[in-house]
Amino acid sequence: MNLTFAVLGLGGGELVLILAVVLLFFGGSKLPGLAKGLGQSIKEFKKASRPEDEKQNSNSKAYVEKS
């Protein structure tokens, strides 16, 4: 986790400032929905970026587990 922030050049103070600005822009009631949408987007991106052979292996494993 520290590696990501080191690459971006962000420290603790910067992260707090960014979170405060996001909270001001969107409000507390919309943050859970935004976080859920961001999580789903990341999940779909990871699924789409996997090689085709891994997708087939995971699908066949899921099929076997359901049976």
C-alpha atoms as a PDB file:
ATOM      1  CA  MET A   1       0.000   0.000   0.000  1.00  0.00           C
ATOM      2  CA  ASN A   2       2.863   2.361   0.784  1.00  0.00           C
ATOM      3  CA  LEU A   3       4.388   1.609  -2.619  1.00  0.00           C
ATOM      4  CA  THR A   4       1.317   2.980  -4.388  1.00  0.00           C
ATOM      5  CA  PHE A   5       1.396   6.199  -2.428  1.00  0.00           C
ATOM      6  CA  ALA A   6       5.163   6.498  -2.894  1.00  0.00           C
ATOM      7  CA  VAL A   7       4.795   6.170  -6.664  1.00  0.00           C
ATOM      8  CA  LEU A   8       2.066   8.802  -6.698  1.00  0.00           C
ATOM      9  CA  GLY A   9       4.059  11.017  -4.355  1.00  0.00           C
ATOM     10  CA  LEU A  10       1.215  11.321  -1.862  1.00  0.00           C
ATOM     11  CA  GLY A  11       1.654  11.555   1.868  1.00  0.00           C
ATOM     12  CA  GLY A  12      -0.820  11.381   4.706  1.00  0.00           C
ATOM     13  CA  GLY A  13      -1.647  15.074   4.630  1.00  0.00           C
ATOM     14  CA  GLU A  14      -2.377  15.048   0.919  1.00  0.00           C
ATOM     15  CA  LEU A  15      -4.671  12.047   1.260  1.00  0.00           C
ATOM     16  CA  VAL A  16      -6.626  13.706   4.055  1.00  0.00           C
ATOM     17  CA  LEU A  17      -6.999  16.851   1.951  1.00  0.00           C
ATOM     18  CA  ILE A  18      -8.196  14.872  -1.080  1.00  0.00           C
ATOM     19  CA  LEU A  19     -10.727  12.961   1.031  1.00  0.00           C
ATOM     20  CA  ALA A  20     -11.999  16.215   2.569  1.00  0.00           C
ATOM     21  CA  VAL A  21     -12.486  17.790  -0.868  1.00  0.00           C
ATOM     22  CA  VAL A  22     -14.313  14.692  -2.141  1.00  0.00           C
ATOM     23  CA  LEU A  23     -16.533  14.776   0.943  1.00  0.00           C
ATOM     24  CA  LEU A  24     -17.349  18.456   0.306  1.00  0.00           C
ATOM     25  CA  PHE A  25     -18.140  17.886  -3.381  1.00  0.00           C
ATOM     26  CA  PHE A  26     -20.282  14.774  -3.067  1.00  0.00           C
ATOM     27  CA  GLY A  27     -21.532  14.822   0.506  1.00  0.00           C
ATOM     28  CA  GLY A  28     -21.621  11.955   2.956  1.00  0.00           C
ATOM     29  CA  SER A  29     -24.756  10.361   1.574  1.00  0.00           C
ATOM     30  CA  LYS A  30     -23.347   9.765  -1.927  1.00  0.00           C
ATOM     31  CA  LEU A  31     -19.932   8.409  -0.928  1.00  0.00           C
ATOM     32  CA  PRO A  32     -21.044   4.781  -0.382  1.00  0.00           C
ATOM     33  CA  GLY A  33     -22.628   4.697  -3.835  1.00  0.00           C
ATOM     34  CA  LEU A  34     -19.516   6.190  -5.419  1.00  0.00           C
ATOM     35  CA  ALA A  35     -17.292   3.676  -3.642  1.00  0.00           C
ATOM     36  CA  LYS A  36     -19.525   0.799  -4.757  1.00  0.00           C
ATOM     37  CA  GLY A  37     -19.438   1.990  -8.367  1.00  0.00           C
ATOM     38  CA  LEU A  38     -15.669   2.383  -8.259  1.00  0.00           C
ATOM     39  CA  GLY A  39     -15.274  -1.121  -6.828  1.00  0.00           C
ATOM     40  CA  GLN A  40     -17.491  -2.631  -9.505  1.00  0.00           C
ATOM     41  CA  SER A  41     -15.565  -0.781 -12.215  1.00  0.00           C
ATOM     42  CA  ILE A  42     -12.248  -2.100 -10.926  1.00  0.00           C
ATOM     43  CA  LYS A  43     -13.677  -5.634 -10.710  1.00  0.00           C
ATOM     44  CA  GLU A  44     -14.936  -5.500 -14.308  1.00  0.00           C
ATOM     45  CA  PHE A  45     -11.627  -4.071 -15.528  1.00  0.00           C
ATOM     46  CA  LYS A  46      -9.677  -6.887 -13.858  1.00  0.00           C
ATOM     47  CA  LYS A  47     -12.051  -9.467 -15.295  1.00  0.00           C
ATOM     48  CA  ALA A  48     -11.721  -8.014 -18.793  1.00  0.00           C
ATOM     49  CA  SER A  49      -7.936  -7.786 -18.609  1.00  0.00           C
ATOM     50  CA  ARG A  50      -7.399 -11.456 -17.680  1.00  0.00           C
ATOM     51  CA  PRO A  51      -6.134 -13.714 -20.455  1.00  0.00           C
ATOM     52  CA  GLU A  52      -8.789 -15.822 -22.172  1.00  0.00           C
ATOM     53  CA  ASP A  53      -7.387 -19.156 -20.952  1.00  0.00           C
ATOM     54  CA  GLU A  54      -7.649 -18.054 -17.308  1.00  0.00           C
ATOM     55  CA  LYS A  55     -11.268 -17.055 -17.881  1.00  0.00           C
ATOM     56  CA  GLN A  56     -12.079 -20.499 -19.241  1.00  0.00           C
ATOM     57  CA  ASN A  57     -10.336 -22.207 -16.312  1.00  0.00           C
ATOM     58  CA  SER A  58     -12.205 -20.135 -13.751  1.00  0.00           C
ATOM     59  CA  ASN A  59     -15.526 -20.742 -15.527  1.00  0.00           C
ATOM     60  CA  SER A  60     -14.978 -24.503 -15.604  1.00  0.00           C
ATOM     61  CA  LYS A  61     -14.040 -24.510 -11.905  1.00  0.00           C
ATOM     62  CA  ALA A  62     -17.195 -22.568 -11.059  1.00  0.00           C
ATOM     63  CA  TYR A  63     -19.252 -25.031 -13.094  1.00  0.00           C
ATOM     64  CA  VAL A  64     -17.711 -27.997 -11.307  1.00  0.00           C
ATOM     65  CA  GLU A  65     -18.325 -26.400  -7.893  1.00  0.00           C
ATOM     66  CA  LYS A  66     -21.996 -25.755  -8.719  1.00  0.00           C
ATOM     67  CA  SER A  67     -22.593 -29.367  -9.800  1.00  0.00           C
END
